[in-house]
C-alpha atoms as a PDB file:
ATOM      1  CA  UNK A   1     103.930  66.578  92.893  1.00  0.00           C
ATOM      2  CA  UNK A   2     102.781  67.534  89.401  1.00  0.00           C
ATOM      3  CA  UNK A   3     104.377  70.484  87.662  1.00  0.00           C
ATOM      4  CA  UNK A   4     103.659  72.452  84.518  1.00  0.00           C
ATOM      5  CA  UNK A   5     100.832  74.797  83.767  1.00  0.00           C
ATOM      6  CA  UNK A   6      97.409  74.438  85.269  1.00  0.00           C
ATOM      7  CA  UNK A   7      94.837  72.823  83.035  1.00  0.00           C
ATOM      8  CA  UNK A   8      91.436  74.329  82.378  1.00  0.00           C
ATOM      9  CA  UNK A   9      89.860  71.563  84.484  1.00  0.00           C
ATOM     10  CA  UNK A  10      92.155  72.438  87.401  1.00  0.00           C
ATOM     11  CA  UNK A  11      91.195  76.081  87.075  1.00  0.00           C
ATOM     12  CA  UNK A  12      87.538  75.122  87.235  1.00  0.00           C
ATOM     13  CA  UNK A  13      88.239  73.207  90.448  1.00  0.00           C
ATOM     14  CA  UNK A  14      90.029  76.239  91.850  1.00  0.00           C
ATOM     15  CA  UNK A  15      87.052  78.446  90.969  1.00  0.00           C
ATOM     16  CA  UNK A  16      84.682  76.042  92.735  1.00  0.00           C
ATOM     17  CA  UNK A  17      86.923  75.939  95.786  1.00  0.00           C
ATOM     18  CA  UNK A  18      87.167  79.721  95.967  1.00  0.00           C
ATOM     19  CA  UNK A  19      83.395  80.041  95.588  1.00  0.00           C
ATOM     20  CA  UNK A  20      82.940  77.558  98.458  1.00  0.00           C
ATOM     21  CA  UNK A  21      85.264  79.591 100.668  1.00  0.00           C
ATOM     22  CA  UNK A  22      87.973  76.936 100.888  1.00  0.00           C
ATOM     23  CA  UNK A  23      91.469  77.906 101.971  1.00  0.00           C
ATOM     24  CA  UNK A  24      94.082  77.962  99.220  1.00  0.00           C
ATOM     25  CA  UNK A  25      95.973  75.186 101.033  1.00  0.00           C
ATOM     26  CA  UNK A  26      92.908  72.927 100.906  1.00  0.00           C
ATOM     27  CA  UNK A  27      92.300  73.637  97.217  1.00  0.00           C
ATOM     28  CA  UNK A  28      95.958  72.905  96.521  1.00  0.00           C
ATOM     29  CA  UNK A  29      95.790  69.656  98.470  1.00  0.00           C
ATOM     30  CA  UNK A  30      92.839  68.481  96.393  1.00  0.00           C
ATOM     31  CA  UNK A  31      94.722  69.298  93.196  1.00  0.00           C
ATOM     32  CA  UNK A  32      98.020  67.873  94.482  1.00  0.00           C
ATOM     33  CA  UNK A  33      99.625  71.222  93.731  1.00  0.00           C
ATOM     34  CA  UNK A  34     101.741  73.603  95.846  1.00  0.00           C
ATOM     35  CA  UNK A  35      99.705  76.149  97.786  1.00  0.00           C
ATOM     36  CA  UNK A  36     101.779  78.909  96.156  1.00  0.00           C
ATOM     37  CA  UNK A  37     100.551  77.783  92.718  1.00  0.00           C
ATOM     38  CA  UNK A  38      96.912  78.212  93.717  1.00  0.00           C
ATOM     39  CA  UNK A  39      97.582  81.495  95.535  1.00  0.00           C
ATOM     40  CA  UNK A  40      99.420  82.951  92.548  1.00  0.00           C
ATOM     41  CA  UNK A  41      96.757  81.729  90.111  1.00  0.00           C
ATOM     42  CA  UNK A  42      93.914  83.391  92.009  1.00  0.00           C
ATOM     43  CA  UNK A  43      95.695  86.651  92.841  1.00  0.00           C
ATOM     44  CA  UNK A  44      96.914  87.290  89.300  1.00  0.00           C
ATOM     45  CA  UNK A  45      93.463  86.615  87.827  1.00  0.00           C
ATOM     46  CA  UNK A  46      91.029  88.806  89.690  1.00  0.00           C
ATOM     47  CA  UNK A  47      91.525  87.757  93.309  1.00  0.00           C
ATOM     48  CA  UNK A  48      89.067  85.752  95.441  1.00  0.00           C
ATOM     49  CA  UNK A  49      86.061  87.836  94.433  1.00  0.00           C
ATOM     50  CA  UNK A  50      86.851  88.065  90.724  1.00  0.00           C
ATOM     51  CA  UNK A  51      88.445  84.746  89.809  1.00  0.00           C
ATOM     52  CA  UNK A  52      86.838  83.030  86.786  1.00  0.00           C
ATOM     53  CA  UNK A  53      88.293  79.800  85.421  1.00  0.00           C
ATOM     54  CA  UNK A  54      87.644  80.475  81.716  1.00  0.00           C
ATOM     55  CA  UNK A  55      88.955  84.045  81.903  1.00  0.00           C
ATOM     56  CA  UNK A  56      92.051  82.910  83.801  1.00  0.00           C
ATOM     57  CA  UNK A  57      92.764  80.208  81.228  1.00  0.00           C
ATOM     58  CA  UNK A  58      92.438  82.621  78.308  1.00  0.00           C
ATOM     59  CA  UNK A  59      94.614  85.197  80.088  1.00  0.00           C
ATOM     60  CA  UNK A  60      97.330  82.595  80.647  1.00  0.00           C
ATOM     61  CA  UNK A  61      97.286  81.628  76.981  1.00  0.00           C
ATOM     62  CA  UNK A  62      97.575  85.298  75.972  1.00  0.00           C
ATOM     63  CA  UNK A  63     100.531  85.826  78.302  1.00  0.00           C
ATOM     64  CA  UNK A  64     102.246  82.734  76.897  1.00  0.00           C
ATOM     65  CA  UNK A  65     101.780  83.983  73.330  1.00  0.00           C
ATOM     66  CA  UNK A  66     103.161  87.414  74.257  1.00  0.00           C
ATOM     67  CA  UNK A  67     106.238  85.863  75.857  1.00  0.00           C
ATOM     68  CA  UNK A  68     106.860  83.733  72.780  1.00  0.00           C
ATOM     69  CA  UNK A  69     106.519  86.742  70.508  1.00  0.00           C
ATOM     70  CA  UNK A  70     108.726  88.940  72.689  1.00  0.00           C
ATOM     71  CA  UNK A  71     111.768  86.654  72.887  1.00  0.00           C
ATOM     72  CA  UNK A  72     113.415  84.476  70.223  1.00  0.00           C
ATOM     73  CA  UNK A  73     113.375  80.769  70.975  1.00  0.00           C
ATOM     74  CA  UNK A  74     117.164  80.615  71.176  1.00  0.00           C
ATOM     75  CA  UNK A  75     117.546  83.687  73.361  1.00  0.00           C
ATOM     76  CA  UNK A  76     119.411  83.095  76.615  1.00  0.00           C
ATOM     77  CA  UNK A  77     117.915  84.435  79.857  1.00  0.00           C
ATOM     78  CA  UNK A  78     119.437  87.718  80.980  1.00  0.00           C
ATOM     79  CA  UNK A  79     122.452  87.162  83.209  1.00  0.00           C
ATOM     80  CA  UNK A  80     121.897  87.982  86.867  1.00  0.00           C
ATOM     81  CA  UNK A  81     124.535  88.816  89.485  1.00  0.00           C
ATOM     82  CA  UNK A  82     125.915  86.240  91.901  1.00  0.00           C
ATOM     83  CA  UNK A  83     125.135  83.364  89.532  1.00  0.00           C
ATOM     84  CA  UNK A  84     121.395  83.498  90.200  1.00  0.00           C
ATOM     85  CA  UNK A  85     119.073  81.363  88.103  1.00  0.00           C
ATOM     86  CA  UNK A  86     116.816  83.786  86.109  1.00  0.00           C
ATOM     87  CA  UNK A  87     113.906  81.326  85.962  1.00  0.00           C
ATOM     88  CA  UNK A  88     114.094  80.608  89.683  1.00  0.00           C
ATOM     89  CA  UNK A  89     114.254  84.336  90.472  1.00  0.00           C
ATOM     90  CA  UNK A  90     111.280  85.092  88.209  1.00  0.00           C
ATOM     91  CA  UNK A  91     109.236  82.322  89.834  1.00  0.00           C
ATOM     92  CA  UNK A  92     110.162  83.565  93.302  1.00  0.00           C
ATOM     93  CA  UNK A  93     109.257  87.166  92.455  1.00  0.00           C
ATOM     94  CA  UNK A  94     105.866  86.040  91.157  1.00  0.00           C
ATOM     95  CA  UNK A  95     105.183  84.133  94.368  1.00  0.00           C
ATOM     96  CA  UNK A  96     106.428  87.060  96.472  1.00  0.00           C
ATOM     97  CA  UNK A  97     104.075  89.396  94.595  1.00  0.00           C
ATOM     98  CA  UNK A  98     101.106  87.134  95.355  1.00  0.00           C
ATOM     99  CA  UNK A  99     102.018  87.091  99.057  1.00  0.00           C
ATOM    100  CA  UNK A 100     102.389  90.887  99.134  1.00  0.00           C
ATOM    101  CA  UNK A 101      98.938  91.245  97.574  1.00  0.00           C
ATOM    102  CA  UNK A 102      97.418  89.007 100.242  1.00  0.00           C
ATOM    103  CA  UNK A 103      99.248  90.989 102.928  1.00  0.00           C
ATOM    104  CA  UNK A 104      97.661  94.318 102.021  1.00  0.00           C
ATOM    105  CA  UNK A 105      99.146  95.585  98.747  1.00  0.00           C
ATOM    106  CA  UNK A 106      96.007  94.722  96.812  1.00  0.00           C
ATOM    107  CA  UNK A 107      97.193  96.515  93.653  1.00  0.00           C
ATOM    108  CA  UNK A 108      99.320  94.075  91.685  1.00  0.00           C
ATOM    109  CA  UNK A 109     101.532  96.724  90.085  1.00  0.00           C
ATOM    110  CA  UNK A 110     102.322  98.239  93.479  1.00  0.00           C
ATOM    111  CA  UNK A 111     103.198  94.794  94.819  1.00  0.00           C
ATOM    112  CA  UNK A 112     105.463  94.133  91.814  1.00  0.00           C
ATOM    113  CA  UNK A 113     107.290  97.439  92.322  1.00  0.00           C
ATOM    114  CA  UNK A 114     107.763  96.644  96.010  1.00  0.00           C
ATOM    115  CA  UNK A 115     109.155  93.195  95.205  1.00  0.00           C
ATOM    116  CA  UNK A 116     111.542  94.647  92.611  1.00  0.00           C
ATOM    117  CA  UNK A 117     112.986  97.053  95.152  1.00  0.00           C
ATOM    118  CA  UNK A 118     113.200  94.421  97.871  1.00  0.00           C
ATOM    119  CA  UNK A 119     115.064  91.954  95.663  1.00  0.00           C
ATOM    120  CA  UNK A 120     117.515  94.472  94.182  1.00  0.00           C
ATOM    121  CA  UNK A 121     120.912  94.149  95.873  1.00  0.00           C
ATOM    122  CA  UNK A 122     121.181  97.939  96.059  1.00  0.00           C
ATOM    123  CA  UNK A 123     117.677  98.280  97.514  1.00  0.00           C
ATOM    124  CA  UNK A 124     117.048 101.097  95.050  1.00  0.00           C
ATOM    125  CA  UNK A 125     116.049 101.674  91.426  1.00  0.00           C
ATOM    126  CA  UNK A 126     115.223 104.622  89.186  1.00  0.00           C
ATOM    127  CA  UNK A 127     111.884 105.002  87.441  1.00  0.00           C
ATOM    128  CA  UNK A 128     113.522 104.104  84.127  1.00  0.00           C
ATOM    129  CA  UNK A 129     115.003 100.936  85.633  1.00  0.00           C
ATOM    130  CA  UNK A 130     111.623  99.901  87.013  1.00  0.00           C
ATOM    131  CA  UNK A 131     109.958 100.581  83.665  1.00  0.00           C
ATOM    132  CA  UNK A 132     112.490  98.354  81.880  1.00  0.00           C
ATOM    133  CA  UNK A 133     112.362  95.679  84.549  1.00  0.00           C
ATOM    134  CA  UNK A 134     108.572  95.432  84.685  1.00  0.00           C
ATOM    135  CA  UNK A 135     107.794  96.411  81.074  1.00  0.00           C
ATOM    136  CA  UNK A 136     105.133  98.916  82.097  1.00  0.00           C
ATOM    137  CA  UNK A 137     104.461 102.618  81.582  1.00  0.00           C
ATOM    138  CA  UNK A 138     106.167 105.363  83.633  1.00  0.00           C
ATOM    139  CA  UNK A 139     102.721 106.423  84.845  1.00  0.00           C
ATOM    140  CA  UNK A 140     102.160 102.998  86.403  1.00  0.00           C
ATOM    141  CA  UNK A 141     105.464 103.246  88.254  1.00  0.00           C
ATOM    142  CA  UNK A 142     104.725 106.792  89.432  1.00  0.00           C
ATOM    143  CA  UNK A 143     101.330 105.809  90.827  1.00  0.00           C
ATOM    144  CA  UNK A 144     102.756 102.789  92.652  1.00  0.00           C
ATOM    145  CA  UNK A 145     105.642 104.762  94.132  1.00  0.00           C
ATOM    146  CA  UNK A 146     103.239 107.461  95.340  1.00  0.00           C
ATOM    147  CA  UNK A 147     101.229 104.850  97.249  1.00  0.00           C
ATOM    148  CA  UNK A 148     104.330 103.183  98.726  1.00  0.00           C
ATOM    149  CA  UNK A 149     105.600 106.598  99.845  1.00  0.00           C
ATOM    150  CA  UNK A 150     102.278 107.323 101.535  1.00  0.00           C
ATOM    151  CA  UNK A 151     102.743 104.113 103.542  1.00  0.00           C
ATOM    152  CA  UNK A 152     106.348 105.030 104.464  1.00  0.00           C
ATOM    153  CA  UNK A 153     107.607 101.976 102.575  1.00  0.00           C
ATOM    154  CA  UNK A 154     109.929 103.781 100.138  1.00  0.00           C
ATOM    155  CA  UNK A 155     111.744 107.102 100.007  1.00  0.00           C
ATOM    156  CA  UNK A 156     113.150 109.203  97.177  1.00  0.00           C
ATOM    157  CA  UNK A 157     116.537 110.789  96.749  1.00  0.00           C
ATOM    158  CA  UNK A 158     118.543 112.135  93.823  1.00  0.00           C
ATOM    159  CA  UNK A 159     121.743 110.447  92.711  1.00  0.00           C
ATOM    160  CA  UNK A 160     124.791 112.148  91.231  1.00  0.00           C
ATOM    161  CA  UNK A 161     123.115 112.310  87.828  1.00  0.00           C
ATOM    162  CA  UNK A 162     120.151 114.159  89.382  1.00  0.00           C
ATOM    163  CA  UNK A 163     117.917 111.187  88.723  1.00  0.00           C
ATOM    164  CA  UNK A 164     115.363 110.232  91.335  1.00  0.00           C
ATOM    165  CA  UNK A 165     116.016 106.903  92.977  1.00  0.00           C
ATOM    166  CA  UNK A 166     113.390 104.999  94.929  1.00  0.00           C
ATOM    167  CA  UNK A 167     114.911 103.375  97.965  1.00  0.00           C
ATOM    168  CA  UNK A 168     114.025 100.719 100.489  1.00  0.00           C
ATOM    169  CA  UNK A 169     116.425 100.687 103.427  1.00  0.00           C
ATOM    170  CA  UNK A 170     116.467  99.202 106.899  1.00  0.00           C
ATOM    171  CA  UNK A 171     115.202 102.319 108.654  1.00  0.00           C
ATOM    172  CA  UNK A 172     112.110 102.496 106.443  1.00  0.00           C
ATOM    173  CA  UNK A 173     110.790  99.238 107.893  1.00  0.00           C
ATOM    174  CA  UNK A 174     111.020 100.660 111.383  1.00  0.00           C
ATOM    175  CA  UNK A 175     109.406 103.937 110.290  1.00  0.00           C
ATOM    176  CA  UNK A 176     106.618 102.004 108.566  1.00  0.00           C
ATOM    177  CA  UNK A 177     105.943 100.119 111.800  1.00  0.00           C
ATOM    178  CA  UNK A 178     105.894 103.404 113.723  1.00  0.00           C
ATOM    179  CA  UNK A 179     103.322 104.741 111.230  1.00  0.00           C
ATOM    180  CA  UNK A 180     101.197 101.627 111.755  1.00  0.00           C
ATOM    181  CA  UNK A 181     101.364 102.082 115.515  1.00  0.00           C
ATOM    182  CA  UNK A 182     100.339 105.724 115.126  1.00  0.00           C
ATOM    183  CA  UNK A 183      97.339 104.616 113.063  1.00  0.00           C
ATOM    184  CA  UNK A 184      96.334 102.144 115.777  1.00  0.00           C
ATOM    185  CA  UNK A 185      96.461 104.907 118.399  1.00  0.00           C
ATOM    186  CA  UNK A 186      94.179 107.021 116.212  1.00  0.00           C
ATOM    187  CA  UNK A 187      91.698 104.137 116.121  1.00  0.00           C
ATOM    188  CA  UNK A 188      91.905 103.866 119.912  1.00  0.00           C
ATOM    189  CA  UNK A 189      91.130 107.584 120.249  1.00  0.00           C
ATOM    190  CA  UNK A 190      88.166 107.537 117.870  1.00  0.00           C
ATOM    191  CA  UNK A 191      86.685 104.412 119.468  1.00  0.00           C
ATOM    192  CA  UNK A 192      86.893 105.921 122.949  1.00  0.00           C
ATOM    193  CA  UNK A 193      85.407 109.174 121.710  1.00  0.00           C
ATOM    194  CA  UNK A 194      82.493 107.197 120.297  1.00  0.00           C
ATOM    195  CA  UNK A 195      81.989 105.389 123.584  1.00  0.00           C
ATOM    196  CA  UNK A 196      81.525 108.767 125.265  1.00  0.00           C
ATOM    197  CA  UNK A 197      79.173 110.086 122.605  1.00  0.00           C
ATOM    198  CA  UNK A 198      76.981 106.983 122.599  1.00  0.00           C
ATOM    199  CA  UNK A 199      76.652 106.901 126.376  1.00  0.00           C
ATOM    200  CA  UNK A 200      78.787 104.964 128.869  1.00  0.00           C
ATOM    201  CA  UNK A 201      77.419 101.516 129.628  1.00  0.00           C
ATOM    202  CA  UNK A 202      75.296 101.218 126.487  1.00  0.00           C
ATOM    203  CA  UNK A 203      75.900  98.147 124.293  1.00  0.00           C
ATOM    204  CA  UNK A 204      77.447 100.223 121.496  1.00  0.00           C
ATOM    205  CA  UNK A 205      79.704 102.094 123.928  1.00  0.00           C
ATOM    206  CA  UNK A 206      80.867  98.867 125.572  1.00  0.00           C
ATOM    207  CA  UNK A 207      81.663  97.431 122.146  1.00  0.00           C
ATOM    208  CA  UNK A 208      83.709 100.485 121.181  1.00  0.00           C
ATOM    209  CA  UNK A 209      85.534 100.538 124.511  1.00  0.00           C
ATOM    210  CA  UNK A 210      86.494  96.874 124.012  1.00  0.00           C
ATOM    211  CA  UNK A 211      87.775  97.705 120.533  1.00  0.00           C
ATOM    212  CA  UNK A 212      89.789 100.578 121.998  1.00  0.00           C
ATOM    213  CA  UNK A 213      91.342  98.341 124.657  1.00  0.00           C
ATOM    214  CA  UNK A 214      92.202  95.719 122.051  1.00  0.00           C
ATOM    215  CA  UNK A 215      93.923  98.186 119.693  1.00  0.00           C
ATOM    216  CA  UNK A 216      95.647  99.903 122.611  1.00  0.00           C
ATOM    217  CA  UNK A 217      97.146  96.609 123.750  1.00  0.00           C
ATOM    218  CA  UNK A 218      98.247  95.719 120.212  1.00  0.00           C
ATOM    219  CA  UNK A 219      99.795  99.156 119.654  1.00  0.00           C
ATOM    220  CA  UNK A 220     101.769  99.072 122.903  1.00  0.00           C
ATOM    221  CA  UNK A 221     102.957  95.516 122.218  1.00  0.00           C
ATOM    222  CA  UNK A 222     104.055  96.440 118.702  1.00  0.00           C
ATOM    223  CA  UNK A 223     105.882  99.520 119.951  1.00  0.00           C
ATOM    224  CA  UNK A 224     107.854  97.485 122.497  1.00  0.00           C
ATOM    225  CA  UNK A 225     108.604  94.743 119.964  1.00  0.00           C
ATOM    226  CA  UNK A 226     109.727  97.246 117.308  1.00  0.00           C
ATOM    227  CA  UNK A 227     112.194  98.893 119.697  1.00  0.00           C
ATOM    228  CA  UNK A 228     113.524  95.552 120.931  1.00  0.00           C
ATOM    229  CA  UNK A 229     113.933  94.155 117.408  1.00  0.00           C
ATOM    230  CA  UNK A 230     115.181  97.307 115.679  1.00  0.00           C
ATOM    231  CA  UNK A 231     118.818  96.218 115.667  1.00  0.00           C
ATOM    232  CA  UNK A 232     117.934  93.087 113.701  1.00  0.00           C
ATOM    233  CA  UNK A 233     117.396  95.303 110.654  1.00  0.00           C
ATOM    234  CA  UNK A 234     121.049  96.309 110.695  1.00  0.00           C
ATOM    235  CA  UNK A 235     122.696  92.878 110.920  1.00  0.00           C
ATOM    236  CA  UNK A 236     125.378  92.761 108.210  1.00  0.00           C
ATOM    237  CA  UNK A 237     125.294  89.989 105.634  1.00  0.00           C
ATOM    238  CA  UNK A 238     127.940  87.299 106.061  1.00  0.00           C
ATOM    239  CA  UNK A 239     130.685  87.379 103.457  1.00  0.00           C
ATOM    240  CA  UNK A 240     130.295  84.573 100.869  1.00  0.00           C
ATOM    241  CA  UNK A 241     132.772  81.735 101.121  1.00  0.00           C
ATOM    242  CA  UNK A 242     135.617  81.681  98.612  1.00  0.00           C
ATOM    243  CA  UNK A 243     137.866  84.419  97.402  1.00  0.00           C
ATOM    244  CA  UNK A 244     135.859  85.719  94.445  1.00  0.00           C
ATOM    245  CA  UNK A 245     134.815  89.325  94.578  1.00  0.00           C
ATOM    246  CA  UNK A 246     131.103  90.117  94.486  1.00  0.00           C
ATOM    247  CA  UNK A 247     129.682  91.170  91.165  1.00  0.00           C
ATOM    248  CA  UNK A 248     128.588  94.746  90.873  1.00  0.00           C
END
């Protein structure tokens, strides 16, 4: 399977595939590239509706020049805990960000913040740490955190130094699911209200009642599954083999 950067010709083929409504997996198969490469390429360059081959190629060249200017050629990658490979971690985080964007976090900065918190061993970071990690402005971090809070995906607390820390913990995933279930119930209620307003038995009312039944079933199924699976969130990690202590 070929590696390296995408060529301009490959980007043109991706643009044609996206315009034709092809799945990323099919475009990748035609290019003999991993699906993740195509997904990441499209999502970081405007998404399905805004992807343009020439613009994507120029943007990639600009990013490459900025990276070269930012770090000396002989600079070693920053050391990561537990012997992690910095290049492998960076590649993984980029792929994870693309997946998060496809899953609903359409704003790239918000997805990057979420990935940073998820991949931090502590599950928490301060605003200053996120700014340094992502090389963005404090305002960008603040806006992203505000959205994640509104979705019950992160919470804030103050550490001993009175700094705000943004935290992702096991209970937040459960609470986020509960919020999603609550939203589904609201959609059930509004659909059934519409069925009454539009007249029982009319085509529009029947459609809305079917929507209500569908969301009601999904909400109840999710609620049962969330309760049954809740303990999975609290399974402790297995201790690594060997006698070495974990790095802080």
